[in-house]
Full PDB file with SEQRES, HELIX, SHEET, SSBOND, CRYST1, ORIGX, SCALE, CONECT and MASTER records, all heavy atoms in Angstrom:
SEQRES   1 A   36  ARG PRO GLU SER VAL LYS GLY THR GLY LEU GLY LEU SER          
SEQRES   2 A   36  ILE SER LYS GLY ILE VAL GLU ALA HIS HIS GLY SER ILE          
SEQRES   3 A   36  TYR ALA ARG ASN ARG VAL ASN GLY GLY THR                      
HELIX    1 AA1 GLY A   11  ALA A   21  1                                  11    
CRYST1    1.000    1.000    1.000  90.00  90.00  90.00 P 1           1          
ORIGX1      1.000000  0.000000  0.000000        0.00000                         
ORIGX2      0.000000  1.000000  0.000000        0.00000                         
ORIGX3      0.000000  0.000000  1.000000        0.00000                         
SCALE1      1.000000  0.000000  0.000000        0.00000                         
SCALE2      0.000000  1.000000  0.000000        0.00000                         
SCALE3      0.000000  0.000000  1.000000        0.00000                         
ATOM      1  N   ARG A   1      23.563 -52.424   9.458  1.00  0.00           N  
ATOM      2  CA  ARG A   1      24.617 -52.792  10.480  1.00  0.00           C  
ATOM      3  C   ARG A   1      25.181 -54.085  10.093  1.00  0.00           C  
ATOM      4  O   ARG A   1      24.440 -54.946   9.470  1.00  0.00           O  
ATOM      5  CB  ARG A   1      23.972 -52.938  11.880  1.00  0.00           C  
ATOM      6  CG  ARG A   1      23.297 -51.734  12.324  1.00  0.00           C  
ATOM      7  CD  ARG A   1      24.320 -50.879  13.176  1.00  0.00           C  
ATOM      8  NE  ARG A   1      23.517 -49.821  13.941  1.00  0.00           N  
ATOM      9  CZ  ARG A   1      23.987 -48.482  13.809  1.00  0.00           C  
ATOM     10  NH1 ARG A   1      25.117 -48.343  13.346  1.00  0.00           N  
ATOM     11  NH2 ARG A   1      23.342 -47.659  14.503  1.00  0.00           N  
ATOM     12  N   PRO A   2      26.499 -54.241  10.434  1.00  0.00           N  
ATOM     13  CA  PRO A   2      27.085 -55.650  10.062  1.00  0.00           C  
ATOM     14  C   PRO A   2      26.422 -56.704  10.816  1.00  0.00           C  
ATOM     15  O   PRO A   2      26.330 -57.903  10.322  1.00  0.00           O  
ATOM     16  CB  PRO A   2      28.494 -55.419  10.478  1.00  0.00           C  
ATOM     17  CG  PRO A   2      28.547 -54.068  11.086  1.00  0.00           C  
ATOM     18  CD  PRO A   2      27.266 -53.408  11.017  1.00  0.00           C  
ATOM     19  N   GLU A   3      26.012 -56.488  12.023  1.00  0.00           N  
ATOM     20  CA  GLU A   3      25.333 -57.636  12.767  1.00  0.00           C  
ATOM     21  C   GLU A   3      23.924 -57.840  12.401  1.00  0.00           C  
ATOM     22  O   GLU A   3      23.341 -56.951  11.788  1.00  0.00           O  
ATOM     23  CB  GLU A   3      25.431 -57.350  14.320  1.00  0.00           C  
ATOM     24  CG  GLU A   3      24.610 -56.056  14.803  1.00  0.00           C  
ATOM     25  CD  GLU A   3      25.417 -54.805  14.646  1.00  0.00           C  
ATOM     26  OE1 GLU A   3      26.385 -54.840  14.164  1.00  0.00           O  
ATOM     27  OE2 GLU A   3      24.741 -53.851  14.999  1.00  0.00           O  
ATOM     28  N   SER A   4      23.314 -58.882  12.693  1.00  0.00           N  
ATOM     29  CA  SER A   4      22.034 -59.280  12.262  1.00  0.00           C  
ATOM     30  C   SER A   4      21.015 -58.491  13.138  1.00  0.00           C  
ATOM     31  O   SER A   4      21.007 -58.502  14.405  1.00  0.00           O  
ATOM     32  CB  SER A   4      21.641 -60.730  12.565  1.00  0.00           C  
ATOM     33  OG  SER A   4      20.370 -61.003  12.162  1.00  0.00           O  
ATOM     34  N   VAL A   5      20.154 -57.697  12.431  1.00  0.00           N  
ATOM     35  CA  VAL A   5      19.058 -56.812  13.171  1.00  0.00           C  
ATOM     36  C   VAL A   5      17.777 -57.412  12.601  1.00  0.00           C  
ATOM     37  O   VAL A   5      17.608 -57.483  11.385  1.00  0.00           O  
ATOM     38  CB  VAL A   5      19.293 -55.401  12.817  1.00  0.00           C  
ATOM     39  CG1 VAL A   5      18.104 -54.581  13.480  1.00  0.00           C  
ATOM     40  CG2 VAL A   5      20.615 -54.820  13.357  1.00  0.00           C  
ATOM     41  N   LYS A   6      16.937 -57.699  13.509  1.00  0.00           N  
ATOM     42  CA  LYS A   6      15.545 -58.188  13.051  1.00  0.00           C  
ATOM     43  C   LYS A   6      14.512 -57.090  13.073  1.00  0.00           C  
ATOM     44  O   LYS A   6      14.680 -56.031  13.786  1.00  0.00           O  
ATOM     45  CB  LYS A   6      15.125 -59.307  14.074  1.00  0.00           C  
ATOM     46  CG  LYS A   6      16.034 -60.424  13.980  1.00  0.00           C  
ATOM     47  CD  LYS A   6      15.572 -61.622  14.922  1.00  0.00           C  
ATOM     48  CE  LYS A   6      16.658 -62.606  14.779  1.00  0.00           C  
ATOM     49  NZ  LYS A   6      16.377 -63.903  14.936  1.00  0.00           N  
ATOM     50  N   GLY A   7      13.510 -57.293  12.359  1.00  0.00           N  
ATOM     51  CA  GLY A   7      12.414 -56.336  12.286  1.00  0.00           C  
ATOM     52  C   GLY A   7      12.162 -55.902  10.836  1.00  0.00           C  
ATOM     53  O   GLY A   7      12.747 -56.224   9.948  1.00  0.00           O  
ATOM     54  N   THR A   8      10.936 -55.196  10.639  1.00  0.00           N  
ATOM     55  CA  THR A   8      10.472 -54.924   9.368  1.00  0.00           C  
ATOM     56  C   THR A   8      10.782 -53.537   8.972  1.00  0.00           C  
ATOM     57  O   THR A   8      10.536 -53.080   7.766  1.00  0.00           O  
ATOM     58  CB  THR A   8       9.039 -55.111   9.296  1.00  0.00           C  
ATOM     59  OG1 THR A   8       8.277 -54.196  10.230  1.00  0.00           O  
ATOM     60  CG2 THR A   8       8.621 -56.547   9.599  1.00  0.00           C  
ATOM     61  N   GLY A   9      11.198 -52.566   9.786  1.00  0.00           N  
ATOM     62  CA  GLY A   9      11.440 -51.207   9.598  1.00  0.00           C  
ATOM     63  C   GLY A   9      10.081 -50.446   9.551  1.00  0.00           C  
ATOM     64  O   GLY A   9      10.071 -49.354   8.907  1.00  0.00           O  
ATOM     65  N   LEU A  10       9.054 -50.934  10.240  1.00  0.00           N  
ATOM     66  CA  LEU A  10       7.891 -50.160  10.274  1.00  0.00           C  
ATOM     67  C   LEU A  10       7.499 -49.412  11.631  1.00  0.00           C  
ATOM     68  O   LEU A  10       6.785 -48.545  11.630  1.00  0.00           O  
ATOM     69  CB  LEU A  10       6.704 -51.197  10.122  1.00  0.00           C  
ATOM     70  CG  LEU A  10       6.546 -51.595   8.614  1.00  0.00           C  
ATOM     71  CD1 LEU A  10       5.355 -52.657   8.602  1.00  0.00           C  
ATOM     72  CD2 LEU A  10       6.096 -50.522   7.724  1.00  0.00           C  
ATOM     73  N   GLY A  11       8.243 -49.928  12.715  1.00  0.00           N  
ATOM     74  CA  GLY A  11       7.906 -49.356  14.033  1.00  0.00           C  
ATOM     75  C   GLY A  11       7.950 -47.783  14.155  1.00  0.00           C  
ATOM     76  O   GLY A  11       7.030 -47.125  14.497  1.00  0.00           O  
ATOM     77  N   LEU A  12       9.033 -47.272  13.662  1.00  0.00           N  
ATOM     78  CA  LEU A  12       9.146 -45.792  13.870  1.00  0.00           C  
ATOM     79  C   LEU A  12       8.290 -44.990  12.887  1.00  0.00           C  
ATOM     80  O   LEU A  12       7.712 -43.940  13.100  1.00  0.00           O  
ATOM     81  CB  LEU A  12      10.619 -45.325  13.596  1.00  0.00           C  
ATOM     82  CG  LEU A  12      11.490 -45.517  14.771  1.00  0.00           C  
ATOM     83  CD1 LEU A  12      12.927 -45.229  14.429  1.00  0.00           C  
ATOM     84  CD2 LEU A  12      11.029 -44.932  16.049  1.00  0.00           C  
ATOM     85  N   SER A  13       7.985 -45.648  11.725  1.00  0.00           N  
ATOM     86  CA  SER A  13       7.035 -45.022  10.690  1.00  0.00           C  
ATOM     87  C   SER A  13       5.628 -45.105  11.348  1.00  0.00           C  
ATOM     88  O   SER A  13       4.937 -44.038  11.135  1.00  0.00           O  
ATOM     89  CB  SER A  13       7.036 -45.824   9.386  1.00  0.00           C  
ATOM     90  OG  SER A  13       6.148 -45.391   8.546  1.00  0.00           O  
ATOM     91  N   ILE A  14       5.164 -46.119  11.829  1.00  0.00           N  
ATOM     92  CA  ILE A  14       3.882 -46.121  12.468  1.00  0.00           C  
ATOM     93  C   ILE A  14       3.767 -45.115  13.672  1.00  0.00           C  
ATOM     94  O   ILE A  14       2.846 -44.441  13.759  1.00  0.00           O  
ATOM     95  CB  ILE A  14       3.494 -47.616  12.933  1.00  0.00           C  
ATOM     96  CG1 ILE A  14       3.327 -48.519  11.820  1.00  0.00           C  
ATOM     97  CG2 ILE A  14       2.294 -47.590  13.873  1.00  0.00           C  
ATOM     98  CD1 ILE A  14       3.398 -50.011  12.203  1.00  0.00           C  
ATOM     99  N   SER A  15       4.853 -45.096  14.439  1.00  0.00           N  
ATOM    100  CA  SER A  15       4.898 -44.102  15.541  1.00  0.00           C  
ATOM    101  C   SER A  15       4.833 -42.683  15.067  1.00  0.00           C  
ATOM    102  O   SER A  15       4.067 -41.887  15.648  1.00  0.00           O  
ATOM    103  CB  SER A  15       6.188 -44.303  16.342  1.00  0.00           C  
ATOM    104  OG  SER A  15       6.330 -45.627  16.837  1.00  0.00           O  
ATOM    105  N   LYS A  16       5.500 -42.321  13.984  1.00  0.00           N  
ATOM    106  CA  LYS A  16       5.533 -41.071  13.375  1.00  0.00           C  
ATOM    107  C   LYS A  16       3.955 -40.683  12.895  1.00  0.00           C  
ATOM    108  O   LYS A  16       3.543 -39.583  13.177  1.00  0.00           O  
ATOM    109  CB  LYS A  16       6.380 -40.959  12.315  1.00  0.00           C  
ATOM    110  CG  LYS A  16       6.535 -39.589  11.578  1.00  0.00           C  
ATOM    111  CD  LYS A  16       7.268 -39.543  10.429  1.00  0.00           C  
ATOM    112  CE  LYS A  16       7.308 -38.175   9.769  1.00  0.00           C  
ATOM    113  NZ  LYS A  16       8.199 -38.017   8.637  1.00  0.00           N  
ATOM    114  N   GLY A  17       3.286 -41.646  12.255  1.00  0.00           N  
ATOM    115  CA  GLY A  17       1.935 -41.380  11.793  1.00  0.00           C  
ATOM    116  C   GLY A  17       1.038 -41.167  13.012  1.00  0.00           C  
ATOM    117  O   GLY A  17       0.191 -40.282  12.974  1.00  0.00           O  
ATOM    118  N   ILE A  18       1.191 -41.880  14.057  1.00  0.00           N  
ATOM    119  CA  ILE A  18       0.354 -41.690  15.240  1.00  0.00           C  
ATOM    120  C   ILE A  18       0.618 -40.367  15.848  1.00  0.00           C  
ATOM    121  O   ILE A  18      -0.289 -39.492  16.180  1.00  0.00           O  
ATOM    122  CB  ILE A  18       0.463 -42.848  16.332  1.00  0.00           C  
ATOM    123  CG1 ILE A  18      -0.075 -44.165  15.703  1.00  0.00           C  
ATOM    124  CG2 ILE A  18      -0.206 -42.454  17.590  1.00  0.00           C  
ATOM    125  CD1 ILE A  18       0.318 -45.426  16.386  1.00  0.00           C  
ATOM    126  N   VAL A  19       1.927 -39.944  16.034  1.00  0.00           N  
ATOM    127  CA  VAL A  19       2.173 -38.744  16.693  1.00  0.00           C  
ATOM    128  C   VAL A  19       1.752 -37.542  15.799  1.00  0.00           C  
ATOM    129  O   VAL A  19       1.083 -36.563  16.445  1.00  0.00           O  
ATOM    130  CB  VAL A  19       3.797 -38.751  17.066  1.00  0.00           C  
ATOM    131  CG1 VAL A  19       4.169 -37.338  17.462  1.00  0.00           C  
ATOM    132  CG2 VAL A  19       4.177 -39.787  18.037  1.00  0.00           C  
ATOM    133  N   GLU A  20       2.047 -37.697  14.643  1.00  0.00           N  
ATOM    134  CA  GLU A  20       1.595 -36.482  13.770  1.00  0.00           C  
ATOM    135  C   GLU A  20       0.029 -36.370  13.623  1.00  0.00           C  
ATOM    136  O   GLU A  20      -0.383 -35.385  13.413  1.00  0.00           O  
ATOM    137  CB  GLU A  20       2.198 -36.645  12.444  1.00  0.00           C  
ATOM    138  CG  GLU A  20       3.654 -36.323  12.431  1.00  0.00           C  
ATOM    139  CD  GLU A  20       4.399 -36.397  11.082  1.00  0.00           C  
ATOM    140  OE1 GLU A  20       3.777 -36.899  10.161  1.00  0.00           O  
ATOM    141  OE2 GLU A  20       5.548 -36.090  10.993  1.00  0.00           O  
ATOM    142  N   ALA A  21      -0.664 -37.518  13.660  1.00  0.00           N  
ATOM    143  CA  ALA A  21      -2.129 -37.469  13.700  1.00  0.00           C  
ATOM    144  C   ALA A  21      -2.602 -36.651  14.944  1.00  0.00           C  
ATOM    145  O   ALA A  21      -3.749 -36.036  14.885  1.00  0.00           O  
ATOM    146  CB  ALA A  21      -2.671 -38.786  13.740  1.00  0.00           C  
ATOM    147  N   HIS A  22      -1.860 -36.667  16.033  1.00  0.00           N  
ATOM    148  CA  HIS A  22      -2.191 -35.829  17.236  1.00  0.00           C  
ATOM    149  C   HIS A  22      -1.600 -34.532  17.312  1.00  0.00           C  
ATOM    150  O   HIS A  22      -1.355 -33.995  18.353  1.00  0.00           O  
ATOM    151  CB  HIS A  22      -1.835 -36.705  18.497  1.00  0.00           C  
ATOM    152  CG  HIS A  22      -2.778 -37.891  18.592  1.00  0.00           C  
ATOM    153  ND1 HIS A  22      -3.985 -37.903  19.004  1.00  0.00           N  
ATOM    154  CD2 HIS A  22      -2.552 -39.210  18.166  1.00  0.00           C  
ATOM    155  CE1 HIS A  22      -4.559 -39.170  19.091  1.00  0.00           C  
ATOM    156  NE2 HIS A  22      -3.673 -39.911  18.493  1.00  0.00           N  
ATOM    157  N   HIS A  23      -0.975 -34.018  16.195  1.00  0.00           N  
ATOM    158  CA  HIS A  23      -0.390 -32.680  15.918  1.00  0.00           C  
ATOM    159  C   HIS A  23       0.883 -32.660  16.824  1.00  0.00           C  
ATOM    160  O   HIS A  23       1.201 -31.504  17.393  1.00  0.00           O  
ATOM    161  CB  HIS A  23      -1.384 -31.710  16.285  1.00  0.00           C  
ATOM    162  CG  HIS A  23      -2.674 -31.710  15.566  1.00  0.00           C  
ATOM    163  ND1 HIS A  23      -2.729 -31.507  14.278  1.00  0.00           N  
ATOM    164  CD2 HIS A  23      -3.863 -32.111  15.908  1.00  0.00           C  
ATOM    165  CE1 HIS A  23      -3.997 -31.597  13.854  1.00  0.00           C  
ATOM    166  NE2 HIS A  23      -4.679 -32.084  14.983  1.00  0.00           N  
ATOM    167  N   GLY A  24       1.544 -33.717  16.901  1.00  0.00           N  
ATOM    168  CA  GLY A  24       2.853 -33.657  17.673  1.00  0.00           C  
ATOM    169  C   GLY A  24       3.965 -33.910  16.768  1.00  0.00           C  
ATOM    170  O   GLY A  24       3.818 -33.841  15.546  1.00  0.00           O  
ATOM    171  N   SER A  25       5.126 -34.042  17.262  1.00  0.00           N  
ATOM    172  CA  SER A  25       6.357 -34.247  16.416  1.00  0.00           C  
ATOM    173  C   SER A  25       7.144 -35.423  17.047  1.00  0.00           C  
ATOM    174  O   SER A  25       7.131 -35.622  18.275  1.00  0.00           O  
ATOM    175  CB  SER A  25       7.139 -33.067  16.266  1.00  0.00           C  
ATOM    176  OG  SER A  25       7.624 -32.591  17.527  1.00  0.00           O  
ATOM    177  N   ILE A  26       8.049 -36.135  16.307  1.00  0.00           N  
ATOM    178  CA  ILE A  26       8.891 -37.042  16.770  1.00  0.00           C  
ATOM    179  C   ILE A  26      10.182 -36.949  15.995  1.00  0.00           C  
ATOM    180  O   ILE A  26      10.156 -36.608  14.827  1.00  0.00           O  
ATOM    181  CB  ILE A  26       8.192 -38.540  16.456  1.00  0.00           C  
ATOM    182  CG1 ILE A  26       9.033 -39.566  17.090  1.00  0.00           C  
ATOM    183  CG2 ILE A  26       7.947 -38.706  14.984  1.00  0.00           C  
ATOM    184  CD1 ILE A  26       8.399 -40.977  17.009  1.00  0.00           C  
ATOM    185  N   TYR A  27      11.259 -37.173  16.705  1.00  0.00           N  
ATOM    186  CA  TYR A  27      12.505 -37.084  16.085  1.00  0.00           C  
ATOM    187  C   TYR A  27      13.613 -37.912  16.764  1.00  0.00           C  
ATOM    188  O   TYR A  27      13.254 -38.266  18.029  1.00  0.00           O  
ATOM    189  CB  TYR A  27      13.001 -35.626  15.936  1.00  0.00           C  
ATOM    190  CG  TYR A  27      13.199 -34.951  17.122  1.00  0.00           C  
ATOM    191  CD1 TYR A  27      14.362 -34.829  17.950  1.00  0.00           C  
ATOM    192  CD2 TYR A  27      12.094 -34.094  17.793  1.00  0.00           C  
ATOM    193  CE1 TYR A  27      14.562 -34.136  19.080  1.00  0.00           C  
ATOM    194  CE2 TYR A  27      12.274 -33.463  18.889  1.00  0.00           C  
ATOM    195  CZ  TYR A  27      13.526 -33.459  19.642  1.00  0.00           C  
ATOM    196  OH  TYR A  27      13.639 -32.675  20.697  1.00  0.00           O  
ATOM    197  N   ALA A  28      14.677 -38.204  16.235  1.00  0.00           N  
ATOM    198  CA  ALA A  28      15.764 -39.015  16.776  1.00  0.00           C  
ATOM    199  C   ALA A  28      16.962 -38.152  17.031  1.00  0.00           C  
ATOM    200  O   ALA A  28      17.275 -37.169  16.326  1.00  0.00           O  
ATOM    201  CB  ALA A  28      16.161 -40.183  15.937  1.00  0.00           C  
ATOM    202  N   ARG A  29      17.715 -38.369  18.200  1.00  0.00           N  
ATOM    203  CA  ARG A  29      19.005 -37.766  18.330  1.00  0.00           C  
ATOM    204  C   ARG A  29      19.805 -38.807  18.997  1.00  0.00           C  
ATOM    205  O   ARG A  29      19.480 -39.634  19.881  1.00  0.00           O  
ATOM    206  CB  ARG A  29      18.804 -36.491  19.160  1.00  0.00           C  
ATOM    207  CG  ARG A  29      18.238 -36.698  20.581  1.00  0.00           C  
ATOM    208  CD  ARG A  29      18.203 -35.305  21.361  1.00  0.00           C  
ATOM    209  NE  ARG A  29      17.579 -35.456  22.713  1.00  0.00           N  
ATOM    210  CZ  ARG A  29      18.210 -35.748  23.737  1.00  0.00           C  
ATOM    211  NH1 ARG A  29      19.455 -36.014  23.733  1.00  0.00           N  
ATOM    212  NH2 ARG A  29      17.580 -35.792  24.837  1.00  0.00           N  
ATOM    213  N   ASN A  30      21.166 -38.643  18.677  1.00  0.00           N  
ATOM    214  CA  ASN A  30      22.070 -39.538  19.370  1.00  0.00           C  
ATOM    215  C   ASN A  30      22.491 -39.080  20.673  1.00  0.00           C  
ATOM    216  O   ASN A  30      22.649 -37.779  20.904  1.00  0.00           O  
ATOM    217  CB  ASN A  30      23.369 -39.745  18.407  1.00  0.00           C  
ATOM    218  CG  ASN A  30      22.994 -40.604  17.136  1.00  0.00           C  
ATOM    219  OD1 ASN A  30      22.300 -41.576  17.288  1.00  0.00           O  
ATOM    220  ND2 ASN A  30      23.544 -40.312  16.088  1.00  0.00           N  
ATOM    221  N   ARG A  31      22.788 -39.929  21.536  1.00  0.00           N  
ATOM    222  CA  ARG A  31      23.270 -39.591  22.877  1.00  0.00           C  
ATOM    223  C   ARG A  31      24.839 -39.447  22.780  1.00  0.00           C  
ATOM    224  O   ARG A  31      25.416 -40.020  21.902  1.00  0.00           O  
ATOM    225  CB  ARG A  31      22.910 -40.725  23.944  1.00  0.00           C  
ATOM    226  CG  ARG A  31      21.543 -40.805  24.049  1.00  0.00           C  
ATOM    227  CD  ARG A  31      21.166 -42.093  25.057  1.00  0.00           C  
ATOM    228  NE  ARG A  31      22.326 -42.459  25.838  1.00  0.00           N  
ATOM    229  CZ  ARG A  31      22.109 -43.294  26.919  1.00  0.00           C  
ATOM    230  NH1 ARG A  31      20.967 -43.861  27.037  1.00  0.00           N  
ATOM    231  NH2 ARG A  31      23.078 -43.581  27.624  1.00  0.00           N  
ATOM    232  N   VAL A  32      25.441 -38.621  23.718  1.00  0.00           N  
ATOM    233  CA  VAL A  32      26.869 -38.401  23.622  1.00  0.00           C  
ATOM    234  C   VAL A  32      27.649 -39.628  23.873  1.00  0.00           C  
ATOM    235  O   VAL A  32      28.721 -39.886  23.189  1.00  0.00           O  
ATOM    236  CB  VAL A  32      27.212 -37.351  24.721  1.00  0.00           C  
ATOM    237  CG1 VAL A  32      28.699 -37.166  24.819  1.00  0.00           C  
ATOM    238  CG2 VAL A  32      26.488 -36.012  24.532  1.00  0.00           C  
ATOM    239  N   ASN A  33      27.280 -40.578  24.686  1.00  0.00           N  
ATOM    240  CA  ASN A  33      28.003 -41.818  25.075  1.00  0.00           C  
ATOM    241  C   ASN A  33      27.520 -42.958  24.316  1.00  0.00           C  
ATOM    242  O   ASN A  33      27.777 -44.069  24.688  1.00  0.00           O  
ATOM    243  CB  ASN A  33      27.850 -42.074  26.519  1.00  0.00           C  
ATOM    244  CG  ASN A  33      28.651 -41.010  27.342  1.00  0.00           C  
ATOM    245  OD1 ASN A  33      29.573 -40.470  26.981  1.00  0.00           O  
ATOM    246  ND2 ASN A  33      28.042 -40.568  28.443  1.00  0.00           N  
ATOM    247  N   GLY A  34      26.800 -42.740  23.192  1.00  0.00           N  
ATOM    248  CA  GLY A  34      26.271 -43.860  22.444  1.00  0.00           C  
ATOM    249  C   GLY A  34      24.794 -44.196  22.579  1.00  0.00           C  
ATOM    250  O   GLY A  34      24.207 -43.840  23.660  1.00  0.00           O  
ATOM    251  N   GLY A  35      24.242 -44.611  21.563  1.00  0.00           N  
ATOM    252  CA  GLY A  35      22.744 -44.972  21.615  1.00  0.00           C  
ATOM    253  C   GLY A  35      21.994 -43.936  20.978  1.00  0.00           C  
ATOM    254  O   GLY A  35      22.604 -42.794  20.656  1.00  0.00           O  
ATOM    255  N   THR A  36      20.685 -44.113  20.813  1.00  0.00           N  
ATOM    256  CA  THR A  36      19.763 -43.043  20.325  1.00  0.00           C  
ATOM    257  C   THR A  36      18.665 -42.904  21.279  1.00  0.00           C  
ATOM    258  O   THR A  36      18.051 -43.809  21.861  1.00  0.00           O  
ATOM    259  CB  THR A  36      19.412 -43.535  18.892  1.00  0.00           C  
ATOM    260  OG1 THR A  36      20.431 -43.812  18.100  1.00  0.00           O  
ATOM    261  CG2 THR A  36      18.338 -42.537  18.243  1.00  0.00           C  
TER     262      THR A  36                                                      
MASTER        0    0    0    1    0    0    0    6  261    1    0    3          
END                                                                             
């Protein structure tokens, strides 16, 4: 993104690992009016 975004890029990766360890699934989808 052009604006400054903070973070390491690990949050969703860690979440995916936890969810999949419990035989679940995780995915992203965009909202019609913006946002995810």
